[in-house]
């Protein structure tokens, strides 16, 4: 049986923002990033605070930030970077996904 490691990274900006959010939450809280069907491009990212970890969750820890990704969402995010953008339009977490063939303007919906 071959074990495949799927890779998702967290930018310094995203880690800083997540750590700030989590500092106001109960101990053990993490940001869960998920992929589900829907959105204007076919799939959409979800961002939720979660205190429950599954044994097979991918856990990304960086500079006080903890991100969880479930095994169903992980193949859709392989090679992606989770970033935080603060520009004139507003602030948001964005996923830079190399497999996305299209995405919406808000950055939370994509197609593969």
N, C-alpha and C. Protein backbone atom coordinates (compact mmCIF):
# COMPACT_ATOMS: atom_id res chain seq x y z
N UNK A 1 0.85 -1.19 0.00
CA UNK A 1 0.00 0.00 0.00
C UNK A 1 0.89 1.24 0.00
N UNK A 2 0.60 2.19 -0.87
CA UNK A 2 1.38 3.41 -0.97
C UNK A 2 0.70 4.51 -0.17
N UNK A 3 1.48 5.21 0.64
CA UNK A 3 0.96 6.35 1.38
C UNK A 3 1.34 7.61 0.64
N UNK A 4 0.34 8.37 0.23
CA UNK A 4 0.58 9.60 -0.51
C UNK A 4 0.43 10.78 0.46
N UNK A 5 1.40 11.67 0.47
CA UNK A 5 1.33 12.85 1.31
C UNK A 5 0.89 14.02 0.46
N UNK A 6 -0.22 14.61 0.84
CA UNK A 6 -0.72 15.77 0.13
C UNK A 6 -0.27 17.01 0.89
N UNK A 7 0.13 18.05 0.16
CA UNK A 7 0.76 19.21 0.76
C UNK A 7 -0.09 20.45 0.63
N UNK A 8 -0.34 21.11 1.74
CA UNK A 8 -0.99 22.41 1.79
C UNK A 8 -0.14 23.28 2.69
N UNK A 9 0.12 24.53 2.27
CA UNK A 9 0.94 25.42 3.08
C UNK A 9 0.12 26.61 3.57
N UNK A 10 0.69 27.29 4.54
CA UNK A 10 0.06 28.43 5.18
C UNK A 10 1.02 29.61 5.08
N UNK A 11 0.57 30.72 4.50
CA UNK A 11 1.44 31.90 4.39
C UNK A 11 1.65 32.51 5.76
N UNK A 12 2.69 33.32 5.89
CA UNK A 12 2.95 34.02 7.14
C UNK A 12 1.79 34.95 7.50
N UNK A 13 1.22 35.64 6.50
CA UNK A 13 0.09 36.54 6.76
C UNK A 13 -1.12 35.78 7.29
N UNK A 14 -1.40 34.63 6.69
CA UNK A 14 -2.54 33.82 7.14
C UNK A 14 -2.29 33.30 8.55
N UNK A 15 -1.08 32.82 8.81
CA UNK A 15 -0.76 32.30 10.15
C UNK A 15 -0.94 33.37 11.21
N UNK A 16 -0.49 34.58 10.91
CA UNK A 16 -0.60 35.69 11.86
C UNK A 16 -2.07 36.00 12.15
N UNK A 17 -2.89 36.07 11.11
CA UNK A 17 -4.32 36.39 11.28
C UNK A 17 -5.05 35.26 12.01
N UNK A 18 -4.75 34.01 11.66
CA UNK A 18 -5.39 32.87 12.33
C UNK A 18 -5.01 32.85 13.80
N UNK A 19 -3.73 33.05 14.11
CA UNK A 19 -3.28 33.06 15.50
C UNK A 19 -4.01 34.14 16.29
N UNK A 20 -4.22 35.30 15.68
CA UNK A 20 -4.93 36.39 16.37
C UNK A 20 -6.39 35.98 16.63
N UNK A 21 -7.03 35.37 15.66
CA UNK A 21 -8.41 34.91 15.84
C UNK A 21 -8.49 33.85 16.93
N UNK A 22 -7.58 32.87 16.87
CA UNK A 22 -7.61 31.76 17.83
C UNK A 22 -7.28 32.20 19.24
N UNK A 23 -6.52 33.30 19.39
CA UNK A 23 -6.15 33.77 20.73
C UNK A 23 -7.37 34.20 21.54
N UNK A 24 -8.48 34.49 20.86
CA UNK A 24 -9.71 34.91 21.53
C UNK A 24 -10.69 33.76 21.72
N UNK A 25 -10.28 32.56 21.33
CA UNK A 25 -11.14 31.37 21.40
C UNK A 25 -10.65 30.43 22.51
N UNK A 26 -11.50 29.48 22.92
CA UNK A 26 -11.07 28.49 23.92
C UNK A 26 -9.85 27.69 23.44
N UNK A 27 -9.07 27.25 24.37
CA UNK A 27 -7.88 26.44 24.07
C UNK A 27 -8.29 25.21 23.25
N UNK A 28 -7.47 24.87 22.25
CA UNK A 28 -7.76 23.71 21.42
C UNK A 28 -8.57 24.04 20.18
N UNK A 29 -8.96 25.30 20.00
CA UNK A 29 -9.72 25.69 18.82
C UNK A 29 -8.78 25.85 17.64
N UNK A 30 -9.22 25.41 16.48
CA UNK A 30 -8.43 25.52 15.25
C UNK A 30 -9.33 26.04 14.13
N UNK A 31 -8.72 26.52 13.06
CA UNK A 31 -9.47 26.92 11.87
C UNK A 31 -9.59 25.69 10.97
N UNK A 32 -10.82 25.29 10.68
CA UNK A 32 -11.04 24.16 9.77
C UNK A 32 -11.34 24.72 8.38
N UNK A 33 -10.57 24.25 7.40
CA UNK A 33 -10.78 24.63 6.01
C UNK A 33 -11.32 23.39 5.30
N UNK A 34 -12.41 23.56 4.58
CA UNK A 34 -13.04 22.42 3.91
C UNK A 34 -13.44 22.79 2.49
N UNK A 35 -13.74 21.78 1.70
CA UNK A 35 -14.23 21.96 0.34
C UNK A 35 -15.57 21.24 0.23
N UNK A 36 -16.54 21.91 -0.35
CA UNK A 36 -17.84 21.28 -0.57
C UNK A 36 -18.35 21.69 -1.95
N UNK A 37 -19.33 20.95 -2.45
CA UNK A 37 -19.94 21.29 -3.72
C UNK A 37 -20.78 22.54 -3.57
N UNK A 38 -20.76 23.38 -4.60
CA UNK A 38 -21.57 24.60 -4.56
C UNK A 38 -20.77 25.81 -5.01
N UNK A 39 -21.28 26.97 -4.71
CA UNK A 39 -20.62 28.19 -5.14
C UNK A 39 -20.85 28.42 -6.62
N UNK A 40 -20.39 29.54 -7.11
CA UNK A 40 -20.65 29.89 -8.51
C UNK A 40 -19.75 29.15 -9.49
N UNK A 41 -18.71 28.45 -8.99
CA UNK A 41 -17.80 27.75 -9.90
C UNK A 41 -17.81 26.23 -9.73
N UNK A 42 -18.65 25.69 -8.86
CA UNK A 42 -18.74 24.24 -8.72
C UNK A 42 -18.32 23.71 -7.35
N UNK A 43 -17.26 24.26 -6.79
CA UNK A 43 -16.80 23.89 -5.45
C UNK A 43 -16.62 25.17 -4.66
N UNK A 44 -16.72 25.06 -3.33
CA UNK A 44 -16.46 26.24 -2.51
C UNK A 44 -15.69 25.85 -1.26
N UNK A 45 -14.88 26.78 -0.80
CA UNK A 45 -14.12 26.60 0.43
C UNK A 45 -14.98 27.04 1.61
N UNK A 46 -14.81 26.33 2.72
CA UNK A 46 -15.47 26.72 3.97
C UNK A 46 -14.41 26.99 5.01
N UNK A 47 -14.66 27.98 5.85
CA UNK A 47 -13.75 28.35 6.94
C UNK A 47 -14.57 28.39 8.22
N UNK A 48 -14.24 27.51 9.16
CA UNK A 48 -14.99 27.43 10.42
C UNK A 48 -14.02 27.23 11.58
N UNK A 49 -14.42 27.73 12.75
CA UNK A 49 -13.66 27.44 13.96
C UNK A 49 -14.15 26.11 14.50
N UNK A 50 -13.22 25.25 14.92
CA UNK A 50 -13.57 23.89 15.31
C UNK A 50 -12.71 23.45 16.50
N UNK A 51 -13.32 22.78 17.45
CA UNK A 51 -12.58 22.24 18.59
C UNK A 51 -12.43 20.73 18.51
N UNK A 52 -12.95 20.14 17.43
CA UNK A 52 -12.90 18.69 17.26
C UNK A 52 -11.92 18.33 16.15
N UNK A 53 -11.03 17.39 16.44
CA UNK A 53 -10.07 16.91 15.44
C UNK A 53 -10.33 15.44 15.17
N UNK A 54 -10.38 15.09 13.91
CA UNK A 54 -10.46 13.68 13.53
C UNK A 54 -9.04 13.13 13.45
N UNK A 55 -8.91 11.84 13.66
CA UNK A 55 -7.58 11.21 13.63
C UNK A 55 -6.87 11.42 12.30
N UNK A 56 -7.64 11.48 11.20
CA UNK A 56 -7.02 11.58 9.88
C UNK A 56 -6.99 13.00 9.32
N UNK A 57 -7.33 14.00 10.14
CA UNK A 57 -7.21 15.40 9.69
C UNK A 57 -5.76 15.74 9.41
N UNK A 58 -5.54 16.53 8.36
CA UNK A 58 -4.23 17.15 8.17
C UNK A 58 -4.18 18.32 9.14
N UNK A 59 -3.13 18.40 9.95
CA UNK A 59 -2.97 19.48 10.91
C UNK A 59 -1.77 20.31 10.47
N UNK A 60 -2.01 21.60 10.22
CA UNK A 60 -0.95 22.53 9.86
C UNK A 60 -0.79 23.49 11.03
N UNK A 61 0.42 23.55 11.58
CA UNK A 61 0.70 24.47 12.69
C UNK A 61 1.84 25.39 12.29
N UNK A 62 1.61 26.69 12.49
CA UNK A 62 2.64 27.66 12.14
C UNK A 62 2.44 28.92 12.98
N UNK A 63 3.45 29.32 13.70
CA UNK A 63 3.46 30.58 14.46
C UNK A 63 2.20 30.80 15.30
N UNK A 64 1.76 29.77 16.01
CA UNK A 64 0.59 29.91 16.88
C UNK A 64 -0.74 29.66 16.19
N UNK A 65 -0.71 29.39 14.89
CA UNK A 65 -1.94 29.10 14.15
C UNK A 65 -2.07 27.60 13.93
N UNK A 66 -3.29 27.10 14.03
CA UNK A 66 -3.57 25.70 13.75
C UNK A 66 -4.71 25.61 12.75
N UNK A 67 -4.45 24.88 11.66
CA UNK A 67 -5.45 24.69 10.60
C UNK A 67 -5.69 23.19 10.45
N UNK A 68 -6.96 22.81 10.32
CA UNK A 68 -7.35 21.42 10.11
C UNK A 68 -7.99 21.28 8.74
N UNK A 69 -7.65 20.21 8.03
CA UNK A 69 -8.27 19.90 6.74
C UNK A 69 -8.64 18.43 6.75
N UNK A 70 -9.90 18.12 6.46
CA UNK A 70 -10.36 16.73 6.46
C UNK A 70 -9.87 16.00 5.22
N UNK A 71 -9.87 14.68 5.27
CA UNK A 71 -9.34 13.85 4.19
C UNK A 71 -10.16 13.92 2.91
N UNK A 72 -11.43 14.26 2.99
CA UNK A 72 -12.25 14.38 1.79
C UNK A 72 -11.89 15.67 1.04
N UNK A 73 -11.63 16.74 1.77
CA UNK A 73 -11.28 18.03 1.16
C UNK A 73 -9.84 18.08 0.66
N UNK A 74 -8.97 17.34 1.30
CA UNK A 74 -7.53 17.44 1.04
C UNK A 74 -7.13 17.23 -0.42
N UNK A 75 -7.65 16.23 -1.14
CA UNK A 75 -7.23 16.06 -2.54
C UNK A 75 -7.56 17.27 -3.43
N UNK A 76 -8.62 18.00 -3.09
CA UNK A 76 -8.99 19.19 -3.86
C UNK A 76 -8.05 20.37 -3.58
N UNK A 77 -7.31 20.28 -2.47
CA UNK A 77 -6.45 21.38 -2.05
C UNK A 77 -4.96 21.08 -2.18
N UNK A 78 -4.61 19.91 -2.68
CA UNK A 78 -3.21 19.51 -2.78
C UNK A 78 -2.38 20.57 -3.52
N UNK A 79 -1.29 20.99 -2.91
CA UNK A 79 -0.41 21.98 -3.52
C UNK A 79 -0.84 23.42 -3.29
N UNK A 80 -1.92 23.62 -2.55
CA UNK A 80 -2.46 24.96 -2.33
C UNK A 80 -1.75 25.70 -1.21
N UNK A 81 -1.88 27.02 -1.25
CA UNK A 81 -1.41 27.88 -0.16
C UNK A 81 -2.61 28.63 0.38
N UNK A 82 -2.77 28.60 1.70
CA UNK A 82 -3.80 29.39 2.36
C UNK A 82 -3.16 30.74 2.69
N UNK A 83 -3.78 31.81 2.22
CA UNK A 83 -3.22 33.15 2.40
C UNK A 83 -4.29 34.06 3.00
N UNK A 84 -3.86 35.19 3.52
CA UNK A 84 -4.78 36.21 4.02
C UNK A 84 -4.48 37.49 3.27
N UNK A 85 -5.52 38.08 2.69
CA UNK A 85 -5.36 39.28 1.88
C UNK A 85 -6.11 40.43 2.53
N UNK A 86 -5.45 41.58 2.62
CA UNK A 86 -6.05 42.80 3.15
C UNK A 86 -5.81 43.88 2.11
N UNK A 87 -6.85 44.17 1.31
CA UNK A 87 -6.70 45.17 0.25
C UNK A 87 -7.90 46.11 0.25
N UNK A 88 -8.01 46.95 -0.75
CA UNK A 88 -9.08 47.94 -0.81
C UNK A 88 -10.47 47.31 -0.82
N UNK A 89 -10.59 46.12 -1.36
CA UNK A 89 -11.89 45.45 -1.43
C UNK A 89 -12.30 44.89 -0.07
N UNK A 90 -11.33 44.54 0.76
CA UNK A 90 -11.62 44.01 2.08
C UNK A 90 -10.58 42.99 2.51
N UNK A 91 -10.87 42.33 3.61
CA UNK A 91 -9.99 41.31 4.17
C UNK A 91 -10.63 39.95 3.96
N UNK A 92 -9.79 38.96 3.60
CA UNK A 92 -10.32 37.60 3.44
C UNK A 92 -9.20 36.58 3.38
N UNK A 93 -9.55 35.36 3.76
CA UNK A 93 -8.65 34.23 3.53
C UNK A 93 -8.86 33.80 2.09
N UNK A 94 -7.78 33.50 1.39
CA UNK A 94 -7.87 33.03 0.02
C UNK A 94 -6.99 31.80 -0.15
N UNK A 95 -7.46 30.89 -0.97
CA UNK A 95 -6.72 29.67 -1.26
C UNK A 95 -6.11 29.82 -2.65
N UNK A 96 -4.81 29.72 -2.75
CA UNK A 96 -4.13 29.75 -4.04
C UNK A 96 -3.95 28.29 -4.45
N UNK A 97 -4.88 27.82 -5.29
CA UNK A 97 -4.97 26.40 -5.65
C UNK A 97 -4.45 26.19 -7.07
N UNK A 98 -3.35 25.44 -7.25
CA UNK A 98 -2.80 25.23 -8.58
C UNK A 98 -3.68 24.36 -9.48
N UNK A 99 -4.64 23.65 -8.91
CA UNK A 99 -5.52 22.77 -9.69
C UNK A 99 -6.79 23.47 -10.16
N UNK A 100 -7.08 24.65 -9.63
CA UNK A 100 -8.30 25.36 -10.00
C UNK A 100 -8.19 25.88 -11.42
N UNK A 101 -9.18 25.55 -12.24
CA UNK A 101 -9.20 26.02 -13.63
C UNK A 101 -10.00 27.30 -13.76
N UNK A 102 -10.81 27.60 -12.75
CA UNK A 102 -11.59 28.84 -12.73
C UNK A 102 -11.91 29.15 -11.27
N UNK A 103 -12.11 30.41 -10.98
CA UNK A 103 -12.52 30.81 -9.64
C UNK A 103 -13.37 32.05 -9.72
N UNK A 104 -14.10 32.34 -8.64
CA UNK A 104 -14.95 33.51 -8.64
C UNK A 104 -14.16 34.71 -8.08
N UNK A 105 -14.72 35.86 -8.16
CA UNK A 105 -14.05 37.07 -7.70
C UNK A 105 -13.79 37.10 -6.21
N UNK A 106 -14.63 36.44 -5.42
CA UNK A 106 -14.47 36.48 -3.97
C UNK A 106 -13.38 35.52 -3.50
N UNK A 107 -12.95 34.60 -4.35
CA UNK A 107 -11.86 33.69 -3.99
C UNK A 107 -12.28 32.49 -3.16
N UNK A 108 -13.59 32.29 -2.94
CA UNK A 108 -14.01 31.13 -2.15
C UNK A 108 -14.67 30.05 -2.98
N UNK A 109 -14.83 30.26 -4.27
CA UNK A 109 -15.45 29.28 -5.16
C UNK A 109 -14.48 28.98 -6.30
N UNK A 110 -14.44 27.70 -6.72
CA UNK A 110 -13.48 27.32 -7.76
C UNK A 110 -13.98 26.13 -8.55
N UNK A 111 -13.35 25.89 -9.69
CA UNK A 111 -13.65 24.72 -10.53
C UNK A 111 -12.34 23.99 -10.79
N UNK A 112 -12.46 22.68 -10.96
CA UNK A 112 -11.29 21.84 -11.28
C UNK A 112 -11.56 21.16 -12.59
